[in-house]
């Protein structure tokens, strides 16, 4: 029986861990928030402290926030890589720079542990339903070792080759598009309000027109309902788009639209919206022009 640990039980990781558990694997869940760990164990997650069970694991799914947390979990003072058996695999899904992914893969290889550079897309709904898209890169052995985990969490696994870093590069492309789409959607819906187009009418018509996008159709209902409970926080975007801009600079590539989008998310975080859902970017536009969004007094 495959023994799997999911590290990072946030909005994405918890749903992924539940899918792994539901697929019949022995599944441990770990998080810096003890309440998340307790909640997962109450749903059937296996018990045991990470240092105690690390050497028994076949797969570790890493669904943490960023590169810093990734490196800490893998190679920090209590780093898991040094405790894992040779031939076990790390499936790393945080959005990171390609160079960072390559460095993590090299260090894991030196320890005899496989590494799959495997960022995901599909949001909370995809995580909770096992229908994520995984953009994966790594040696064939890593893909094979990770297969039980990937089968549980993903609808599509895109094989981007044997070289780690290619998955993270593709995720950066996706985040550029997703962030820009999100920002321009909130700009469009609030622009429409200045012309008498209600958010409800926007949602009725635009998804049937050429200006629609996945981000628009996923996030506009939250604006219409005035519900900004965080599924994907504003604060995620300065990190992700910051990675895109860092990659662009290293490539000598001008990315002016991404740069402008990044500034909007930074401004939203600056006025206290950082921990709200990223659809709350609409509030920045609304406040600037004196609009009242649904659900606001």
C-alpha atoms as a PDB file:
ATOM      1  CA  UNK A   1       0.000   0.000   0.000  1.00  0.00           C
ATOM      2  CA  UNK A   2       1.360   3.399  -0.966  1.00  0.00           C
ATOM      3  CA  UNK A   3       2.249   5.655   1.961  1.00  0.00           C
ATOM      4  CA  UNK A   4       1.890   9.334   1.160  1.00  0.00           C
ATOM      5  CA  UNK A   5       2.289  12.578   3.088  1.00  0.00           C
ATOM      6  CA  UNK A   6       0.808  15.865   1.959  1.00  0.00           C
ATOM      7  CA  UNK A   7       2.637  18.804   3.507  1.00  0.00           C
ATOM      8  CA  UNK A   8       0.633  22.012   3.387  1.00  0.00           C
ATOM      9  CA  UNK A   9      -3.066  21.679   4.233  1.00  0.00           C
ATOM     10  CA  UNK A  10      -4.242  25.066   3.031  1.00  0.00           C
ATOM     11  CA  UNK A  11      -7.092  25.713   0.621  1.00  0.00           C
ATOM     12  CA  UNK A  12      -5.397  23.634  -2.093  1.00  0.00           C
ATOM     13  CA  UNK A  13      -3.473  21.074  -0.069  1.00  0.00           C
ATOM     14  CA  UNK A  14      -6.374  19.980   2.103  1.00  0.00           C
ATOM     15  CA  UNK A  15      -8.501  19.114  -0.901  1.00  0.00           C
ATOM     16  CA  UNK A  16      -5.595  17.281  -2.522  1.00  0.00           C
ATOM     17  CA  UNK A  17      -4.927  15.320   0.673  1.00  0.00           C
ATOM     18  CA  UNK A  18      -8.581  14.279   0.827  1.00  0.00           C
ATOM     19  CA  UNK A  19      -8.398  13.018  -2.746  1.00  0.00           C
ATOM     20  CA  UNK A  20      -5.289  10.963  -1.947  1.00  0.00           C
ATOM     21  CA  UNK A  21      -6.978   9.542   1.139  1.00  0.00           C
ATOM     22  CA  UNK A  22     -10.117   8.767  -0.852  1.00  0.00           C
ATOM     23  CA  UNK A  23      -8.040   6.838  -3.387  1.00  0.00           C
ATOM     24  CA  UNK A  24      -7.212   4.337  -0.652  1.00  0.00           C
ATOM     25  CA  UNK A  25      -3.654   5.292   0.228  1.00  0.00           C
ATOM     26  CA  UNK A  26      -2.252   5.594   3.729  1.00  0.00           C
ATOM     27  CA  UNK A  27      -2.220   9.388   3.887  1.00  0.00           C
ATOM     28  CA  UNK A  28      -0.597  11.689   6.416  1.00  0.00           C
ATOM     29  CA  UNK A  29      -1.309  15.424   6.421  1.00  0.00           C
ATOM     30  CA  UNK A  30       0.969  18.074   7.910  1.00  0.00           C
ATOM     31  CA  UNK A  31       0.673  21.831   8.247  1.00  0.00           C
ATOM     32  CA  UNK A  32       2.013  24.685  10.360  1.00  0.00           C
ATOM     33  CA  UNK A  33      -1.589  25.082  11.541  1.00  0.00           C
ATOM     34  CA  UNK A  34      -2.298  22.254  14.031  1.00  0.00           C
ATOM     35  CA  UNK A  35      -6.051  22.707  13.542  1.00  0.00           C
ATOM     36  CA  UNK A  36      -5.674  21.734   9.881  1.00  0.00           C
ATOM     37  CA  UNK A  37      -3.760  18.605  10.873  1.00  0.00           C
ATOM     38  CA  UNK A  38      -6.401  17.670  13.456  1.00  0.00           C
ATOM     39  CA  UNK A  39      -9.185  18.213  10.956  1.00  0.00           C
ATOM     40  CA  UNK A  40      -7.492  15.943   8.434  1.00  0.00           C
ATOM     41  CA  UNK A  41      -6.891  13.191  10.979  1.00  0.00           C
ATOM     42  CA  UNK A  42     -10.572  13.423  11.966  1.00  0.00           C
ATOM     43  CA  UNK A  43     -11.410  12.618   8.333  1.00  0.00           C
ATOM     44  CA  UNK A  44      -9.261   9.501   8.361  1.00  0.00           C
ATOM     45  CA  UNK A  45      -5.740  10.810   7.928  1.00  0.00           C
ATOM     46  CA  UNK A  46      -3.004   8.631   9.366  1.00  0.00           C
ATOM     47  CA  UNK A  47      -1.432   9.543  12.685  1.00  0.00           C
ATOM     48  CA  UNK A  48       2.244  10.007  13.427  1.00  0.00           C
ATOM     49  CA  UNK A  49       4.744  12.850  13.631  1.00  0.00           C
ATOM     50  CA  UNK A  50       6.634  13.599  10.424  1.00  0.00           C
ATOM     51  CA  UNK A  51      10.114  12.692  11.757  1.00  0.00           C
ATOM     52  CA  UNK A  52       8.740   9.363  12.936  1.00  0.00           C
ATOM     53  CA  UNK A  53       7.122   8.311   9.666  1.00  0.00           C
ATOM     54  CA  UNK A  54       9.355  10.016   7.070  1.00  0.00           C
ATOM     55  CA  UNK A  55      11.410   6.911   6.311  1.00  0.00           C
ATOM     56  CA  UNK A  56       8.237   4.919   5.597  1.00  0.00           C
ATOM     57  CA  UNK A  57       6.924   7.312   2.944  1.00  0.00           C
ATOM     58  CA  UNK A  58       6.811   6.524  -0.753  1.00  0.00           C
ATOM     59  CA  UNK A  59       5.601   9.968  -1.845  1.00  0.00           C
ATOM     60  CA  UNK A  60       5.602  13.453  -0.337  1.00  0.00           C
ATOM     61  CA  UNK A  61       3.256  15.979  -1.945  1.00  0.00           C
ATOM     62  CA  UNK A  62       4.530  19.459  -1.155  1.00  0.00           C
ATOM     63  CA  UNK A  63       1.737  22.060  -1.363  1.00  0.00           C
ATOM     64  CA  UNK A  64       3.316  24.937   0.558  1.00  0.00           C
ATOM     65  CA  UNK A  65       3.231  28.638  -0.224  1.00  0.00           C
ATOM     66  CA  UNK A  66       6.581  29.526  -1.743  1.00  0.00           C
ATOM     67  CA  UNK A  67      10.230  28.696  -2.373  1.00  0.00           C
ATOM     68  CA  UNK A  68      11.293  29.532   1.172  1.00  0.00           C
ATOM     69  CA  UNK A  69       8.826  27.092   2.689  1.00  0.00           C
ATOM     70  CA  UNK A  70       9.729  24.473   0.089  1.00  0.00           C
ATOM     71  CA  UNK A  71      13.421  24.656   0.938  1.00  0.00           C
ATOM     72  CA  UNK A  72      12.738  24.657   4.684  1.00  0.00           C
ATOM     73  CA  UNK A  73      10.586  21.532   4.488  1.00  0.00           C
ATOM     74  CA  UNK A  74      13.097  19.720   2.297  1.00  0.00           C
ATOM     75  CA  UNK A  75      16.463  20.877   3.663  1.00  0.00           C
ATOM     76  CA  UNK A  76      15.868  22.958   6.789  1.00  0.00           C
ATOM     77  CA  UNK A  77      16.908  21.955  10.329  1.00  0.00           C
ATOM     78  CA  UNK A  78      14.244  19.236  10.297  1.00  0.00           C
ATOM     79  CA  UNK A  79      14.403  18.719   6.533  1.00  0.00           C
ATOM     80  CA  UNK A  80      12.534  15.666   5.325  1.00  0.00           C
ATOM     81  CA  UNK A  81      14.865  14.712   2.474  1.00  0.00           C
ATOM     82  CA  UNK A  82      17.570  13.484   4.827  1.00  0.00           C
ATOM     83  CA  UNK A  83      15.030  11.238   6.559  1.00  0.00           C
ATOM     84  CA  UNK A  84      13.458   9.666   3.468  1.00  0.00           C
ATOM     85  CA  UNK A  85      14.424   6.338   1.951  1.00  0.00           C
ATOM     86  CA  UNK A  86      16.258   6.290  -1.361  1.00  0.00           C
ATOM     87  CA  UNK A  87      13.906   6.087  -4.323  1.00  0.00           C
ATOM     88  CA  UNK A  88      11.039   7.919  -2.615  1.00  0.00           C
ATOM     89  CA  UNK A  89       9.730  10.941  -4.495  1.00  0.00           C
ATOM     90  CA  UNK A  90       9.009  14.577  -3.706  1.00  0.00           C
ATOM     91  CA  UNK A  91       6.171  16.098  -5.756  1.00  0.00           C
ATOM     92  CA  UNK A  92       6.707  19.849  -5.399  1.00  0.00           C
ATOM     93  CA  UNK A  93       3.757  22.070  -6.339  1.00  0.00           C
ATOM     94  CA  UNK A  94       4.537  25.552  -5.002  1.00  0.00           C
ATOM     95  CA  UNK A  95       4.913  28.283  -7.611  1.00  0.00           C
ATOM     96  CA  UNK A  96       8.673  28.885  -7.759  1.00  0.00           C
ATOM     97  CA  UNK A  97      11.292  30.049 -10.228  1.00  0.00           C
ATOM     98  CA  UNK A  98      12.634  27.401 -12.637  1.00  0.00           C
ATOM     99  CA  UNK A  99      16.192  27.837 -11.338  1.00  0.00           C
ATOM    100  CA  UNK A 100      14.988  27.123  -7.808  1.00  0.00           C
ATOM    101  CA  UNK A 101      13.227  23.946  -8.947  1.00  0.00           C
ATOM    102  CA  UNK A 102      16.405  22.780 -10.668  1.00  0.00           C
ATOM    103  CA  UNK A 103      18.418  23.412  -7.510  1.00  0.00           C
ATOM    104  CA  UNK A 104      15.959  21.460  -5.343  1.00  0.00           C
ATOM    105  CA  UNK A 105      16.038  18.579  -7.827  1.00  0.00           C
ATOM    106  CA  UNK A 106      19.841  18.509  -7.798  1.00  0.00           C
ATOM    107  CA  UNK A 107      20.001  18.447  -4.009  1.00  0.00           C
ATOM    108  CA  UNK A 108      17.348  15.736  -3.774  1.00  0.00           C
ATOM    109  CA  UNK A 109      19.231  13.664  -6.351  1.00  0.00           C
ATOM    110  CA  UNK A 110      22.393  13.918  -4.275  1.00  0.00           C
ATOM    111  CA  UNK A 111      20.437  12.422  -1.372  1.00  0.00           C
ATOM    112  CA  UNK A 112      18.989   9.623  -3.501  1.00  0.00           C
ATOM    113  CA  UNK A 113      15.465  11.074  -3.444  1.00  0.00           C
ATOM    114  CA  UNK A 114      13.507  11.662  -6.652  1.00  0.00           C
ATOM    115  CA  UNK A 115      12.055  15.115  -7.379  1.00  0.00           C
ATOM    116  CA  UNK A 116       9.150  16.021  -9.621  1.00  0.00           C
ATOM    117  CA  UNK A 117       8.738  19.705 -10.475  1.00  0.00           C
ATOM    118  CA  UNK A 118       4.938  19.692 -10.510  1.00  0.00           C
ATOM    119  CA  UNK A 119       3.027  22.964 -10.085  1.00  0.00           C
ATOM    120  CA  UNK A 120      -0.737  22.715 -10.432  1.00  0.00           C
ATOM    121  CA  UNK A 121      -3.645  24.690 -11.824  1.00  0.00           C
ATOM    122  CA  UNK A 122      -7.369  24.369 -11.280  1.00  0.00           C
ATOM    123  CA  UNK A 123      -8.013  26.211  -8.045  1.00  0.00           C
ATOM    124  CA  UNK A 124      -9.796  25.047  -4.931  1.00  0.00           C
ATOM    125  CA  UNK A 125     -12.529  23.352  -6.954  1.00  0.00           C
ATOM    126  CA  UNK A 126      -9.975  21.310  -8.890  1.00  0.00           C
ATOM    127  CA  UNK A 127      -8.115  20.392  -5.707  1.00  0.00           C
ATOM    128  CA  UNK A 128     -11.251  19.241  -3.909  1.00  0.00           C
ATOM    129  CA  UNK A 129     -12.527  17.232  -6.883  1.00  0.00           C
ATOM    130  CA  UNK A 130      -9.266  15.641  -8.014  1.00  0.00           C
ATOM    131  CA  UNK A 131      -9.385  17.408 -11.386  1.00  0.00           C
ATOM    132  CA  UNK A 132      -6.259  19.548 -11.260  1.00  0.00           C
ATOM    133  CA  UNK A 133      -3.938  20.074 -14.192  1.00  0.00           C
ATOM    134  CA  UNK A 134      -0.338  19.265 -13.290  1.00  0.00           C
ATOM    135  CA  UNK A 135       2.565  20.767 -15.233  1.00  0.00           C
ATOM    136  CA  UNK A 136       5.285  18.262 -14.425  1.00  0.00           C
ATOM    137  CA  UNK A 137       8.933  17.824 -15.277  1.00  0.00           C
ATOM    138  CA  UNK A 138      11.439  15.298 -14.006  1.00  0.00           C
ATOM    139  CA  UNK A 139      13.027  11.950 -14.800  1.00  0.00           C
ATOM    140  CA  UNK A 140      10.855   9.028 -15.842  1.00  0.00           C
ATOM    141  CA  UNK A 141      11.546   7.355 -12.492  1.00  0.00           C
ATOM    142  CA  UNK A 142      10.025  10.331 -10.667  1.00  0.00           C
ATOM    143  CA  UNK A 143       6.891  10.249 -12.813  1.00  0.00           C
ATOM    144  CA  UNK A 144       6.504   6.523 -12.194  1.00  0.00           C
ATOM    145  CA  UNK A 145       7.066   6.794  -8.451  1.00  0.00           C
ATOM    146  CA  UNK A 146       4.594   9.698  -8.203  1.00  0.00           C
ATOM    147  CA  UNK A 147       1.874   8.045 -10.281  1.00  0.00           C
ATOM    148  CA  UNK A 148      -0.447   6.990  -7.387  1.00  0.00           C
ATOM    149  CA  UNK A 149      -0.451  10.563  -6.078  1.00  0.00           C
ATOM    150  CA  UNK A 150      -0.893  12.154  -9.503  1.00  0.00           C
ATOM    151  CA  UNK A 151      -3.742   9.795 -10.368  1.00  0.00           C
ATOM    152  CA  UNK A 152      -5.543  10.861  -7.192  1.00  0.00           C
ATOM    153  CA  UNK A 153      -5.219  14.636  -7.501  1.00  0.00           C
ATOM    154  CA  UNK A 154      -5.183  15.343 -11.247  1.00  0.00           C
ATOM    155  CA  UNK A 155      -7.354  15.044 -14.299  1.00  0.00           C
ATOM    156  CA  UNK A 156      -4.485  15.960 -16.597  1.00  0.00           C
ATOM    157  CA  UNK A 157      -0.746  15.526 -16.107  1.00  0.00           C
ATOM    158  CA  UNK A 158       1.334  17.314 -18.716  1.00  0.00           C
ATOM    159  CA  UNK A 159       4.759  15.713 -19.161  1.00  0.00           C
ATOM    160  CA  UNK A 160       7.166  18.575 -19.873  1.00  0.00           C
ATOM    161  CA  UNK A 161      10.253  16.431 -20.062  1.00  0.00           C
ATOM    162  CA  UNK A 162      13.051  15.101 -17.929  1.00  0.00           C
ATOM    163  CA  UNK A 163      14.544  18.409 -16.834  1.00  0.00           C
ATOM    164  CA  UNK A 164      13.089  19.926 -13.621  1.00  0.00           C
ATOM    165  CA  UNK A 165      12.321  23.600 -14.034  1.00  0.00           C
ATOM    166  CA  UNK A 166      10.202  23.151 -17.151  1.00  0.00           C
ATOM    167  CA  UNK A 167       7.083  22.664 -15.031  1.00  0.00           C
ATOM    168  CA  UNK A 168       7.768  25.841 -13.087  1.00  0.00           C
ATOM    169  CA  UNK A 169       8.415  27.746 -16.315  1.00  0.00           C
ATOM    170  CA  UNK A 170       5.027  26.686 -17.665  1.00  0.00           C
ATOM    171  CA  UNK A 171       3.373  27.635 -14.367  1.00  0.00           C
ATOM    172  CA  UNK A 172       4.918  31.107 -14.666  1.00  0.00           C
ATOM    173  CA  UNK A 173       3.346  31.460 -18.120  1.00  0.00           C
ATOM    174  CA  UNK A 174      -0.005  30.373 -16.688  1.00  0.00           C
ATOM    175  CA  UNK A 175       0.236  32.780 -13.759  1.00  0.00           C
ATOM    176  CA  UNK A 176       1.063  35.669 -16.064  1.00  0.00           C
ATOM    177  CA  UNK A 177      -2.116  34.975 -18.021  1.00  0.00           C
ATOM    178  CA  UNK A 178      -4.265  34.240 -14.967  1.00  0.00           C
ATOM    179  CA  UNK A 179      -3.145  37.348 -13.064  1.00  0.00           C
ATOM    180  CA  UNK A 180      -3.618  39.658 -16.031  1.00  0.00           C
ATOM    181  CA  UNK A 181      -7.013  38.102 -16.799  1.00  0.00           C
ATOM    182  CA  UNK A 182      -8.105  38.573 -13.204  1.00  0.00           C
ATOM    183  CA  UNK A 183      -6.978  42.184 -13.061  1.00  0.00           C
ATOM    184  CA  UNK A 184      -8.539  43.172 -16.362  1.00  0.00           C
ATOM    185  CA  UNK A 185     -11.772  41.397 -15.383  1.00  0.00           C
ATOM    186  CA  UNK A 186     -12.088  43.495 -12.215  1.00  0.00           C
ATOM    187  CA  UNK A 187     -11.254  46.583 -14.254  1.00  0.00           C
ATOM    188  CA  UNK A 188     -13.924  45.707 -16.811  1.00  0.00           C
ATOM    189  CA  UNK A 189     -16.695  44.923 -14.328  1.00  0.00           C
ATOM    190  CA  UNK A 190     -16.163  48.168 -12.421  1.00  0.00           C
ATOM    191  CA  UNK A 191     -15.794  50.137 -15.651  1.00  0.00           C
ATOM    192  CA  UNK A 192     -19.147  48.701 -16.685  1.00  0.00           C
ATOM    193  CA  UNK A 193     -20.674  49.894 -13.430  1.00  0.00           C
ATOM    194  CA  UNK A 194     -19.675  53.478 -14.276  1.00  0.00           C
ATOM    195  CA  UNK A 195     -21.795  53.064 -17.424  1.00  0.00           C
ATOM    196  CA  UNK A 196     -24.809  51.580 -15.693  1.00  0.00           C
ATOM    197  CA  UNK A 197     -23.931  47.922 -16.349  1.00  0.00           C
ATOM    198  CA  UNK A 198     -24.616  46.023 -13.120  1.00  0.00           C
ATOM    199  CA  UNK A 199     -22.364  43.144 -12.049  1.00  0.00           C
ATOM    200  CA  UNK A 200     -25.362  40.834 -12.465  1.00  0.00           C
ATOM    201  CA  UNK A 201     -25.898  41.937 -16.076  1.00  0.00           C
ATOM    202  CA  UNK A 202     -22.145  41.675 -16.701  1.00  0.00           C
ATOM    203  CA  UNK A 203     -22.232  38.059 -15.520  1.00  0.00           C
ATOM    204  CA  UNK A 204     -25.274  37.306 -17.651  1.00  0.00           C
ATOM    205  CA  UNK A 205     -23.814  38.595 -20.898  1.00  0.00           C
ATOM    206  CA  UNK A 206     -20.009  38.625 -20.963  1.00  0.00           C
ATOM    207  CA  UNK A 207     -19.541  34.838 -20.460  1.00  0.00           C
ATOM    208  CA  UNK A 208     -21.454  34.476 -23.753  1.00  0.00           C
ATOM    209  CA  UNK A 209     -19.154  36.882 -25.569  1.00  0.00           C
ATOM    210  CA  UNK A 210     -15.588  36.943 -26.859  1.00  0.00           C
ATOM    211  CA  UNK A 211     -14.323  38.892 -23.851  1.00  0.00           C
ATOM    212  CA  UNK A 212     -14.843  36.041 -21.415  1.00  0.00           C
ATOM    213  CA  UNK A 213     -12.147  33.964 -19.700  1.00  0.00           C
ATOM    214  CA  UNK A 214     -11.906  31.160 -17.170  1.00  0.00           C
ATOM    215  CA  UNK A 215     -10.856  33.640 -14.492  1.00  0.00           C
ATOM    216  CA  UNK A 216     -13.802  35.885 -15.284  1.00  0.00           C
ATOM    217  CA  UNK A 217     -16.351  33.099 -15.089  1.00  0.00           C
ATOM    218  CA  UNK A 218     -14.824  31.711 -11.885  1.00  0.00           C
ATOM    219  CA  UNK A 219     -14.442  34.996  -9.979  1.00  0.00           C
ATOM    220  CA  UNK A 220     -17.351  37.224 -11.070  1.00  0.00           C
ATOM    221  CA  UNK A 221     -19.941  35.249  -9.053  1.00  0.00           C
ATOM    222  CA  UNK A 222     -18.026  36.189  -5.913  1.00  0.00           C
ATOM    223  CA  UNK A 223     -18.273  39.870  -6.817  1.00  0.00           C
ATOM    224  CA  UNK A 224     -21.964  39.528  -7.658  1.00  0.00           C
ATOM    225  CA  UNK A 225     -22.590  37.802  -4.309  1.00  0.00           C
ATOM    226  CA  UNK A 226     -20.352  40.162  -2.341  1.00  0.00           C
ATOM    227  CA  UNK A 227     -18.483  37.158  -0.940  1.00  0.00           C
ATOM    228  CA  UNK A 228     -14.704  37.596  -0.703  1.00  0.00           C
ATOM    229  CA  UNK A 229     -13.969  34.616   1.528  1.00  0.00           C
ATOM    230  CA  UNK A 230     -10.458  33.718   0.492  1.00  0.00           C
ATOM    231  CA  UNK A 231      -9.995  30.774  -1.840  1.00  0.00           C
ATOM    232  CA  UNK A 232      -7.009  32.397  -3.533  1.00  0.00           C
ATOM    233  CA  UNK A 233      -5.768  35.472  -1.677  1.00  0.00           C
ATOM    234  CA  UNK A 234      -4.740  38.840  -3.087  1.00  0.00           C
ATOM    235  CA  UNK A 235      -1.405  38.288  -1.321  1.00  0.00           C
ATOM    236  CA  UNK A 236      -0.560  35.337  -3.559  1.00  0.00           C
ATOM    237  CA  UNK A 237      -0.290  37.510  -6.663  1.00  0.00           C
ATOM    238  CA  UNK A 238       2.581  39.814  -5.692  1.00  0.00           C
ATOM    239  CA  UNK A 239       4.595  36.644  -5.081  1.00  0.00           C
ATOM    240  CA  UNK A 240       3.593  34.857  -8.280  1.00  0.00           C
ATOM    241  CA  UNK A 241       3.785  37.873 -10.571  1.00  0.00           C
ATOM    242  CA  UNK A 242       7.011  38.875  -8.844  1.00  0.00           C
ATOM    243  CA  UNK A 243       8.435  35.511  -9.936  1.00  0.00           C
ATOM    244  CA  UNK A 244       7.256  36.177 -13.490  1.00  0.00           C
ATOM    245  CA  UNK A 245       8.949  39.584 -13.480  1.00  0.00           C
ATOM    246  CA  UNK A 246      12.179  38.125 -12.072  1.00  0.00           C
ATOM    247  CA  UNK A 247      12.241  35.521 -14.843  1.00  0.00           C
ATOM    248  CA  UNK A 248      11.486  38.203 -17.435  1.00  0.00           C
ATOM    249  CA  UNK A 249      14.345  40.385 -16.228  1.00  0.00           C
ATOM    250  CA  UNK A 250      16.785  37.489 -16.322  1.00  0.00           C
ATOM    251  CA  UNK A 251      15.677  36.762 -19.894  1.00  0.00           C
ATOM    252  CA  UNK A 252      15.925  40.417 -20.944  1.00  0.00           C
ATOM    253  CA  UNK A 253      12.211  40.327 -21.699  1.00  0.00           C
ATOM    254  CA  UNK A 254       9.939  43.349 -21.307  1.00  0.00           C
ATOM    255  CA  UNK A 255       6.615  42.460 -19.661  1.00  0.00           C
ATOM    256  CA  UNK A 256       4.826  45.806 -19.272  1.00  0.00           C
ATOM    257  CA  UNK A 257       1.298  44.427 -18.890  1.00  0.00           C
ATOM    258  CA  UNK A 258       2.440  42.020 -16.183  1.00  0.00           C
ATOM    259  CA  UNK A 259       4.270  44.870 -14.452  1.00  0.00           C
ATOM    260  CA  UNK A 260       1.124  47.022 -14.433  1.00  0.00           C
ATOM    261  CA  UNK A 261      -0.927  44.095 -13.109  1.00  0.00           C
ATOM    262  CA  UNK A 262       1.579  43.492 -10.322  1.00  0.00           C
ATOM    263  CA  UNK A 263       1.242  47.119  -9.225  1.00  0.00           C
ATOM    264  CA  UNK A 264      -2.540  46.738  -8.938  1.00  0.00           C
ATOM    265  CA  UNK A 265      -2.204  43.737  -6.643  1.00  0.00           C
ATOM    266  CA  UNK A 266       0.414  45.534  -4.560  1.00  0.00           C
ATOM    267  CA  UNK A 267      -1.940  48.507  -4.244  1.00  0.00           C
ATOM    268  CA  UNK A 268      -4.803  46.233  -3.176  1.00  0.00           C
ATOM    269  CA  UNK A 269      -2.625  44.613  -0.531  1.00  0.00           C
ATOM    270  CA  UNK A 270      -1.534  48.079   0.576  1.00  0.00           C
ATOM    271  CA  UNK A 271      -5.100  49.132   1.396  1.00  0.00           C
ATOM    272  CA  UNK A 272      -5.687  46.038   3.517  1.00  0.00           C
ATOM    273  CA  UNK A 273      -7.194  43.593   1.021  1.00  0.00           C
ATOM    274  CA  UNK A 274      -4.310  41.119   1.068  1.00  0.00           C
ATOM    275  CA  UNK A 275      -6.095  38.341   2.962  1.00  0.00           C
ATOM    276  CA  UNK A 276      -9.324  38.591   0.997  1.00  0.00           C
ATOM    277  CA  UNK A 277     -10.088  36.545  -2.096  1.00  0.00           C
ATOM    278  CA  UNK A 278      -8.357  37.865  -5.190  1.00  0.00           C
ATOM    279  CA  UNK A 279     -11.748  38.856  -6.645  1.00  0.00           C
ATOM    280  CA  UNK A 280     -11.557  41.674  -4.078  1.00  0.00           C
ATOM    281  CA  UNK A 281      -9.234  43.469  -6.481  1.00  0.00           C
ATOM    282  CA  UNK A 282     -12.526  44.935  -7.760  1.00  0.00           C
ATOM    283  CA  UNK A 283     -12.706  46.879  -4.483  1.00  0.00           C
ATOM    284  CA  UNK A 284      -9.576  48.802  -5.417  1.00  0.00           C
ATOM    285  CA  UNK A 285     -11.155  50.015  -8.645  1.00  0.00           C
ATOM    286  CA  UNK A 286     -14.502  50.671  -6.941  1.00  0.00           C
ATOM    287  CA  UNK A 287     -12.981  52.776  -4.162  1.00  0.00           C
ATOM    288  CA  UNK A 288     -10.953  54.820  -6.597  1.00  0.00           C
ATOM    289  CA  UNK A 289     -14.094  55.976  -8.394  1.00  0.00           C
ATOM    290  CA  UNK A 290     -16.605  55.894  -5.513  1.00  0.00           C
ATOM    291  CA  UNK A 291     -18.594  52.830  -6.590  1.00  0.00           C
ATOM    292  CA  UNK A 292     -20.486  50.557  -4.225  1.00  0.00           C
ATOM    293  CA  UNK A 293     -20.080  46.879  -4.983  1.00  0.00           C
ATOM    294  CA  UNK A 294     -22.742  44.260  -4.138  1.00  0.00           C
ATOM    295  CA  UNK A 295     -22.773  43.426  -0.455  1.00  0.00           C
ATOM    296  CA  UNK A 296     -21.136  46.710   0.575  1.00  0.00           C
ATOM    297  CA  UNK A 297     -23.015  49.381   2.486  1.00  0.00           C
END
